[in-house]
N, C-alpha and C. Protein backbone atom coordinates (compact mmCIF):
# COMPACT_ATOMS: atom_id res chain seq x y z
N MET A 1 -66.23 -9.89 9.31
CA MET A 1 -65.03 -9.70 8.50
C MET A 1 -63.84 -9.47 9.42
N LEU A 2 -62.75 -10.09 9.09
CA LEU A 2 -61.53 -9.98 9.88
C LEU A 2 -60.59 -8.96 9.25
N ASN A 3 -60.17 -7.99 10.04
CA ASN A 3 -59.23 -6.99 9.55
C ASN A 3 -57.81 -7.48 9.86
N LEU A 4 -57.17 -8.04 8.85
CA LEU A 4 -55.82 -8.58 9.04
C LEU A 4 -54.82 -7.49 9.37
N ASP A 5 -55.00 -6.30 8.82
CA ASP A 5 -54.09 -5.20 9.11
C ASP A 5 -54.13 -4.86 10.60
N PHE A 6 -55.33 -4.90 11.18
CA PHE A 6 -55.47 -4.65 12.62
C PHE A 6 -54.68 -5.69 13.41
N LEU A 7 -54.77 -6.96 13.01
CA LEU A 7 -54.03 -8.02 13.70
C LEU A 7 -52.52 -7.79 13.59
N CYS A 8 -52.07 -7.31 12.45
CA CYS A 8 -50.65 -7.01 12.26
C CYS A 8 -50.22 -5.86 13.17
N MET A 9 -51.05 -4.82 13.26
CA MET A 9 -50.74 -3.69 14.14
C MET A 9 -50.67 -4.13 15.59
N LYS A 10 -51.68 -4.89 16.01
CA LYS A 10 -51.76 -5.37 17.39
C LYS A 10 -50.54 -6.24 17.72
N THR A 11 -50.18 -7.11 16.81
CA THR A 11 -49.03 -7.99 17.04
C THR A 11 -47.74 -7.19 17.12
N ALA A 12 -47.57 -6.21 16.24
CA ALA A 12 -46.37 -5.37 16.26
C ALA A 12 -46.24 -4.65 17.61
N GLN A 13 -47.36 -4.17 18.14
CA GLN A 13 -47.32 -3.51 19.44
C GLN A 13 -46.96 -4.49 20.54
N GLU A 14 -47.48 -5.71 20.45
CA GLU A 14 -47.14 -6.76 21.43
C GLU A 14 -45.65 -7.09 21.36
N MET A 15 -45.09 -7.05 20.17
CA MET A 15 -43.67 -7.36 20.00
C MET A 15 -42.80 -6.36 20.75
N MET A 16 -43.25 -5.14 20.86
CA MET A 16 -42.46 -4.09 21.51
C MET A 16 -42.49 -4.19 23.03
N ALA A 17 -43.28 -5.09 23.58
CA ALA A 17 -43.41 -5.22 25.04
C ALA A 17 -42.29 -6.04 25.67
N CYS A 18 -41.21 -6.26 24.94
CA CYS A 18 -40.10 -7.02 25.50
C CYS A 18 -39.03 -6.07 26.05
N GLN A 19 -38.12 -6.63 26.82
CA GLN A 19 -37.01 -5.86 27.35
C GLN A 19 -36.01 -5.56 26.23
N GLY A 20 -35.37 -4.43 26.32
CA GLY A 20 -34.35 -4.08 25.35
C GLY A 20 -34.48 -2.65 24.88
N LYS A 21 -33.42 -2.17 24.26
CA LYS A 21 -33.40 -0.81 23.73
C LYS A 21 -34.23 -0.73 22.46
N ALA A 22 -34.85 0.42 22.25
CA ALA A 22 -35.65 0.63 21.05
C ALA A 22 -34.80 0.43 19.80
N GLY A 23 -33.55 0.87 19.82
CA GLY A 23 -32.67 0.70 18.67
C GLY A 23 -32.41 -0.76 18.35
N ASP A 24 -32.25 -1.59 19.40
CA ASP A 24 -32.06 -3.02 19.19
C ASP A 24 -33.33 -3.65 18.63
N LYS A 25 -34.47 -3.22 19.13
CA LYS A 25 -35.75 -3.74 18.63
C LYS A 25 -35.92 -3.39 17.15
N GLU A 26 -35.57 -2.17 16.80
CA GLU A 26 -35.66 -1.76 15.40
C GLU A 26 -34.70 -2.57 14.53
N ASN A 27 -33.47 -2.77 15.01
CA ASN A 27 -32.48 -3.52 14.23
C ASN A 27 -32.91 -4.96 13.99
N VAL A 28 -33.45 -5.61 15.02
CA VAL A 28 -33.91 -7.00 14.86
C VAL A 28 -35.08 -7.05 13.87
N ALA A 29 -36.01 -6.10 13.99
CA ALA A 29 -37.15 -6.07 13.06
C ALA A 29 -36.69 -5.81 11.63
N THR A 30 -35.77 -4.88 11.45
CA THR A 30 -35.28 -4.55 10.11
C THR A 30 -34.53 -5.73 9.49
N ALA A 31 -33.62 -6.31 10.26
CA ALA A 31 -32.87 -7.46 9.74
C ALA A 31 -33.80 -8.64 9.49
N GLY A 32 -34.73 -8.87 10.41
CA GLY A 32 -35.69 -9.95 10.24
C GLY A 32 -36.55 -9.77 9.00
N LEU A 33 -36.95 -8.54 8.75
CA LEU A 33 -37.74 -8.24 7.56
C LEU A 33 -36.95 -8.57 6.30
N GLY A 34 -35.67 -8.21 6.28
CA GLY A 34 -34.82 -8.53 5.13
C GLY A 34 -34.70 -10.03 4.92
N VAL A 35 -34.53 -10.78 6.01
CA VAL A 35 -34.43 -12.24 5.91
C VAL A 35 -35.75 -12.81 5.41
N LEU A 36 -36.86 -12.31 5.94
CA LEU A 36 -38.17 -12.78 5.51
C LEU A 36 -38.38 -12.56 4.01
N LEU A 37 -38.03 -11.37 3.54
CA LEU A 37 -38.23 -11.06 2.12
C LEU A 37 -37.34 -11.92 1.22
N GLU A 38 -36.13 -12.20 1.66
CA GLU A 38 -35.19 -12.98 0.84
C GLU A 38 -35.38 -14.48 0.98
N ASN A 39 -35.71 -14.94 2.20
CA ASN A 39 -35.68 -16.37 2.49
C ASN A 39 -36.99 -16.95 3.01
N GLY A 40 -38.00 -16.12 3.19
CA GLY A 40 -39.30 -16.62 3.61
C GLY A 40 -39.43 -16.86 5.10
N PRO A 41 -40.61 -17.35 5.51
CA PRO A 41 -40.87 -17.57 6.93
C PRO A 41 -39.91 -18.54 7.61
N TYR A 42 -39.53 -19.60 6.91
CA TYR A 42 -38.60 -20.56 7.51
C TYR A 42 -37.26 -19.90 7.80
N GLY A 43 -36.74 -19.13 6.85
CA GLY A 43 -35.49 -18.40 7.05
C GLY A 43 -35.59 -17.43 8.21
N LEU A 44 -36.74 -16.76 8.32
CA LEU A 44 -36.93 -15.81 9.42
C LEU A 44 -36.88 -16.52 10.76
N VAL A 45 -37.54 -17.65 10.88
CA VAL A 45 -37.53 -18.39 12.14
C VAL A 45 -36.11 -18.82 12.49
N LEU A 46 -35.36 -19.29 11.51
CA LEU A 46 -33.96 -19.66 11.77
C LEU A 46 -33.15 -18.45 12.23
N PHE A 47 -33.36 -17.32 11.57
CA PHE A 47 -32.68 -16.08 11.94
C PHE A 47 -33.00 -15.69 13.38
N LEU A 48 -34.29 -15.68 13.72
CA LEU A 48 -34.70 -15.26 15.06
C LEU A 48 -34.19 -16.24 16.12
N GLU A 49 -34.18 -17.51 15.79
CA GLU A 49 -33.71 -18.52 16.73
C GLU A 49 -32.23 -18.35 17.05
N SER A 50 -31.46 -17.88 16.08
CA SER A 50 -30.01 -17.79 16.26
C SER A 50 -29.52 -16.38 16.57
N HIS A 51 -30.42 -15.41 16.68
CA HIS A 51 -30.02 -14.02 16.88
C HIS A 51 -29.43 -13.80 18.27
N SER A 52 -28.43 -12.93 18.35
CA SER A 52 -27.75 -12.67 19.62
C SER A 52 -28.64 -11.92 20.62
N LYS A 53 -29.57 -11.14 20.14
CA LYS A 53 -30.51 -10.43 21.03
C LYS A 53 -31.68 -11.37 21.31
N THR A 54 -31.40 -12.41 22.10
CA THR A 54 -32.35 -13.51 22.26
C THR A 54 -33.69 -13.09 22.86
N ASP A 55 -33.70 -12.15 23.79
CA ASP A 55 -34.98 -11.72 24.38
C ASP A 55 -35.87 -11.08 23.33
N ILE A 56 -35.31 -10.20 22.54
CA ILE A 56 -36.07 -9.51 21.51
C ILE A 56 -36.48 -10.48 20.41
N ALA A 57 -35.53 -11.23 19.89
CA ALA A 57 -35.81 -12.16 18.79
C ALA A 57 -36.80 -13.23 19.23
N GLY A 58 -36.66 -13.72 20.45
CA GLY A 58 -37.60 -14.72 20.96
C GLY A 58 -39.01 -14.18 21.07
N ARG A 59 -39.12 -12.96 21.54
CA ARG A 59 -40.44 -12.31 21.64
C ARG A 59 -41.05 -12.15 20.26
N TYR A 60 -40.25 -11.73 19.29
CA TYR A 60 -40.76 -11.55 17.94
C TYR A 60 -41.27 -12.87 17.38
N LYS A 61 -40.50 -13.92 17.56
CA LYS A 61 -40.91 -15.24 17.05
C LYS A 61 -42.21 -15.68 17.72
N GLU A 62 -42.29 -15.54 19.03
CA GLU A 62 -43.50 -15.93 19.76
C GLU A 62 -44.72 -15.17 19.26
N GLN A 63 -44.57 -13.88 19.04
CA GLN A 63 -45.70 -13.07 18.61
C GLN A 63 -46.12 -13.37 17.18
N LEU A 64 -45.16 -13.64 16.31
CA LEU A 64 -45.51 -14.00 14.93
C LEU A 64 -46.26 -15.32 14.88
N ILE A 65 -45.85 -16.27 15.71
CA ILE A 65 -46.56 -17.54 15.79
C ILE A 65 -47.95 -17.33 16.38
N ALA A 66 -48.04 -16.49 17.41
CA ALA A 66 -49.33 -16.18 18.03
C ALA A 66 -50.29 -15.55 17.01
N LEU A 67 -49.77 -14.72 16.15
CA LEU A 67 -50.59 -14.13 15.09
C LEU A 67 -51.23 -15.21 14.23
N CYS A 68 -50.47 -16.24 13.95
CA CYS A 68 -50.99 -17.35 13.14
C CYS A 68 -51.97 -18.22 13.90
N ARG A 69 -51.99 -18.09 15.23
CA ARG A 69 -52.95 -18.84 16.04
C ARG A 69 -54.27 -18.10 16.19
N GLU A 70 -54.34 -16.85 15.73
CA GLU A 70 -55.62 -16.13 15.77
C GLU A 70 -56.67 -17.00 15.07
N GLU A 71 -57.85 -17.04 15.62
CA GLU A 71 -58.86 -18.02 15.20
C GLU A 71 -59.05 -18.14 13.69
N LEU A 72 -59.36 -17.06 13.03
CA LEU A 72 -59.64 -17.14 11.59
C LEU A 72 -58.38 -17.34 10.76
N VAL A 73 -57.26 -16.80 11.23
CA VAL A 73 -56.00 -17.02 10.52
C VAL A 73 -55.62 -18.49 10.62
N ALA A 74 -55.72 -19.05 11.82
CA ALA A 74 -55.39 -20.47 12.03
C ALA A 74 -56.30 -21.37 11.21
N SER A 75 -57.57 -21.00 11.11
CA SER A 75 -58.48 -21.85 10.31
C SER A 75 -58.09 -21.82 8.84
N TYR A 76 -57.63 -20.68 8.34
CA TYR A 76 -57.17 -20.61 6.95
C TYR A 76 -55.87 -21.40 6.76
N LEU A 77 -55.02 -21.35 7.77
CA LEU A 77 -53.74 -22.05 7.68
C LEU A 77 -53.89 -23.54 7.98
N SER A 78 -55.12 -23.99 8.10
CA SER A 78 -55.45 -25.40 8.37
C SER A 78 -54.99 -25.85 9.75
N GLY A 79 -55.01 -24.91 10.71
CA GLY A 79 -54.68 -25.28 12.09
C GLY A 79 -53.27 -25.81 12.24
N GLY A 80 -53.06 -26.51 13.31
CA GLY A 80 -51.75 -27.10 13.56
C GLY A 80 -50.67 -26.10 13.93
N VAL A 81 -51.04 -24.85 14.14
CA VAL A 81 -50.05 -23.84 14.52
C VAL A 81 -49.56 -24.16 15.93
N PRO A 82 -48.25 -24.20 16.12
CA PRO A 82 -47.72 -24.56 17.44
C PRO A 82 -48.22 -23.63 18.54
N THR A 83 -48.42 -24.19 19.71
CA THR A 83 -48.89 -23.39 20.84
C THR A 83 -47.73 -22.76 21.61
N SER A 84 -46.52 -23.09 21.23
CA SER A 84 -45.35 -22.49 21.88
C SER A 84 -44.33 -22.14 20.80
N GLY A 85 -43.26 -21.48 21.23
CA GLY A 85 -42.20 -21.12 20.30
C GLY A 85 -41.14 -22.20 20.18
N ASN A 86 -41.48 -23.44 20.60
CA ASN A 86 -40.53 -24.54 20.52
C ASN A 86 -39.99 -24.67 19.10
N PHE A 87 -38.67 -24.60 18.98
CA PHE A 87 -38.02 -24.57 17.67
C PHE A 87 -38.40 -25.76 16.80
N GLN A 88 -38.36 -26.96 17.35
CA GLN A 88 -38.69 -28.15 16.57
C GLN A 88 -40.13 -28.12 16.09
N ALA A 89 -41.05 -27.73 16.97
CA ALA A 89 -42.47 -27.69 16.60
C ALA A 89 -42.72 -26.63 15.52
N VAL A 90 -42.07 -25.49 15.65
CA VAL A 90 -42.27 -24.40 14.69
C VAL A 90 -41.72 -24.78 13.32
N THR A 91 -40.51 -25.35 13.28
CA THR A 91 -39.93 -25.72 11.98
C THR A 91 -40.72 -26.85 11.33
N LYS A 92 -41.24 -27.77 12.12
CA LYS A 92 -42.08 -28.84 11.56
C LYS A 92 -43.36 -28.25 10.97
N TRP A 93 -43.96 -27.31 11.70
CA TRP A 93 -45.18 -26.65 11.21
C TRP A 93 -44.91 -25.89 9.91
N LEU A 94 -43.80 -25.17 9.86
CA LEU A 94 -43.47 -24.42 8.65
C LEU A 94 -43.19 -25.35 7.46
N ARG A 95 -42.59 -26.47 7.72
CA ARG A 95 -42.34 -27.45 6.66
C ARG A 95 -43.68 -27.92 6.08
N GLY A 96 -44.64 -28.21 6.94
CA GLY A 96 -45.97 -28.60 6.48
C GLY A 96 -46.68 -27.47 5.77
N LEU A 97 -46.53 -26.26 6.30
CA LEU A 97 -47.18 -25.08 5.71
C LEU A 97 -46.64 -24.83 4.31
N ALA A 98 -45.36 -25.07 4.09
CA ALA A 98 -44.73 -24.81 2.79
C ALA A 98 -45.24 -25.75 1.70
N GLU A 99 -45.93 -26.80 2.08
CA GLU A 99 -46.51 -27.70 1.08
C GLU A 99 -47.66 -27.04 0.32
N ASP A 100 -48.23 -25.99 0.91
CA ASP A 100 -49.32 -25.24 0.26
C ASP A 100 -48.80 -23.82 0.02
N LEU A 101 -48.40 -23.55 -1.21
CA LEU A 101 -47.75 -22.27 -1.52
C LEU A 101 -48.62 -21.07 -1.17
N ASP A 102 -49.93 -21.14 -1.42
CA ASP A 102 -50.81 -20.01 -1.11
C ASP A 102 -50.79 -19.69 0.39
N ARG A 103 -50.87 -20.70 1.21
CA ARG A 103 -50.87 -20.47 2.66
C ARG A 103 -49.50 -20.01 3.15
N TYR A 104 -48.46 -20.55 2.55
CA TYR A 104 -47.10 -20.15 2.93
C TYR A 104 -46.86 -18.68 2.58
N LEU A 105 -47.28 -18.28 1.38
CA LEU A 105 -47.11 -16.88 0.96
C LEU A 105 -48.02 -15.95 1.75
N PHE A 106 -49.19 -16.42 2.14
CA PHE A 106 -50.08 -15.65 3.00
C PHE A 106 -49.39 -15.36 4.33
N THR A 107 -48.77 -16.38 4.90
CA THR A 107 -48.04 -16.21 6.16
C THR A 107 -46.89 -15.24 5.98
N LYS A 108 -46.17 -15.37 4.88
CA LYS A 108 -45.06 -14.46 4.61
C LYS A 108 -45.55 -13.02 4.55
N ARG A 109 -46.64 -12.79 3.86
CA ARG A 109 -47.17 -11.42 3.71
C ARG A 109 -47.67 -10.88 5.05
N LEU A 110 -48.30 -11.72 5.83
CA LEU A 110 -48.79 -11.32 7.15
C LEU A 110 -47.62 -10.93 8.05
N TRP A 111 -46.58 -11.74 8.06
CA TRP A 111 -45.40 -11.46 8.87
C TRP A 111 -44.65 -10.24 8.35
N GLN A 112 -44.66 -10.05 7.04
CA GLN A 112 -43.99 -8.88 6.46
C GLN A 112 -44.65 -7.60 6.95
N GLN A 113 -45.97 -7.56 6.92
CA GLN A 113 -46.68 -6.37 7.38
C GLN A 113 -46.43 -6.14 8.87
N THR A 114 -46.43 -7.21 9.63
CA THR A 114 -46.22 -7.11 11.08
C THR A 114 -44.82 -6.59 11.40
N LEU A 115 -43.80 -7.14 10.74
CA LEU A 115 -42.43 -6.68 10.99
C LEU A 115 -42.22 -5.24 10.52
N THR A 116 -42.90 -4.85 9.47
CA THR A 116 -42.82 -3.46 9.01
C THR A 116 -43.37 -2.53 10.09
N TYR A 117 -44.54 -2.88 10.63
CA TYR A 117 -45.11 -2.07 11.71
C TYR A 117 -44.22 -2.10 12.95
N ALA A 118 -43.66 -3.24 13.27
CA ALA A 118 -42.78 -3.35 14.45
C ALA A 118 -41.56 -2.45 14.27
N ARG A 119 -41.02 -2.45 13.08
CA ARG A 119 -39.84 -1.60 12.80
C ARG A 119 -40.16 -0.13 13.02
N TYR A 120 -41.27 0.31 12.46
CA TYR A 120 -41.64 1.72 12.61
C TYR A 120 -42.05 2.04 14.05
N HIS A 121 -42.67 1.08 14.72
CA HIS A 121 -43.05 1.29 16.11
C HIS A 121 -41.79 1.47 16.97
N ALA A 122 -40.79 0.62 16.74
CA ALA A 122 -39.52 0.74 17.48
C ALA A 122 -38.85 2.08 17.19
N LYS A 123 -38.90 2.49 15.93
CA LYS A 123 -38.30 3.77 15.56
C LYS A 123 -39.01 4.92 16.27
N ALA A 124 -40.33 4.84 16.36
CA ALA A 124 -41.10 5.87 17.06
C ALA A 124 -40.77 5.87 18.55
N LEU A 125 -40.60 4.68 19.13
CA LEU A 125 -40.21 4.59 20.54
C LEU A 125 -38.86 5.25 20.77
N GLU A 126 -37.93 5.00 19.86
CA GLU A 126 -36.60 5.57 19.97
C GLU A 126 -36.66 7.09 19.87
N LYS A 127 -37.44 7.61 18.94
CA LYS A 127 -37.58 9.07 18.80
C LYS A 127 -38.25 9.65 20.04
N GLY A 128 -39.23 8.94 20.58
CA GLY A 128 -39.92 9.40 21.79
C GLY A 128 -39.00 9.47 22.98
N SER A 129 -38.06 8.52 23.08
CA SER A 129 -37.14 8.53 24.22
C SER A 129 -36.11 9.64 24.09
N GLU A 130 -35.85 10.07 22.87
CA GLU A 130 -34.92 11.19 22.66
C GLU A 130 -35.55 12.52 22.99
N ALA A 131 -36.89 12.55 23.02
CA ALA A 131 -37.60 13.81 23.18
C ALA A 131 -37.51 14.39 24.59
N GLY A 132 -37.14 13.56 25.55
CA GLY A 132 -37.04 14.07 26.92
C GLY A 132 -38.32 13.82 27.69
N PRO A 133 -38.40 14.33 28.93
CA PRO A 133 -39.58 14.10 29.77
C PRO A 133 -40.85 14.64 29.13
N GLY A 134 -41.91 13.91 29.25
CA GLY A 134 -43.19 14.38 28.71
C GLY A 134 -43.34 14.12 27.24
N GLY A 135 -42.30 13.63 26.56
CA GLY A 135 -42.41 13.26 25.16
C GLY A 135 -42.23 14.40 24.18
N ALA A 136 -42.11 15.64 24.65
CA ALA A 136 -41.95 16.76 23.74
C ALA A 136 -40.49 17.22 23.74
N ARG A 137 -40.04 17.59 22.61
CA ARG A 137 -38.65 18.10 22.52
C ARG A 137 -38.57 19.46 23.20
N GLU A 138 -37.43 19.68 23.82
CA GLU A 138 -37.18 20.97 24.46
C GLU A 138 -36.90 22.02 23.40
N GLU A 139 -37.20 23.26 23.71
CA GLU A 139 -36.87 24.34 22.77
C GLU A 139 -35.39 24.39 22.54
N GLY A 140 -35.00 24.65 21.32
CA GLY A 140 -33.61 24.77 20.96
C GLY A 140 -32.98 23.45 20.56
N GLU A 141 -33.74 22.34 20.63
CA GLU A 141 -33.19 21.04 20.21
C GLU A 141 -33.43 20.83 18.75
């Protein structure tokens, strides 16, 4: 049995391994989540492709695509998941994926859970960096 929630957690943690401030990572995840909910996976990819925080947004896009390449996820999505974050390849794949509403909505839900975890992970990183050395808040703070 495949634990999809575990894959979402793992991917969210991988997303945080990029350069950038925790606040910027949280903002990209939050905005991306809003775009995903309103406009779906295709809208999210367009948003990430055009975002000004290119290192963070690019990492997020790569990791979300990598999530779909996980063996059992890819087999459900009928394969064909791009092996890179190439914009043309990803948009072509999403166009094909959208022909099957169940698979498209599955991808949307998977990415939604992942971005939610990424958002909270970034928020936790930001709080941890405010705590000072050793991760604990100083007395009187």
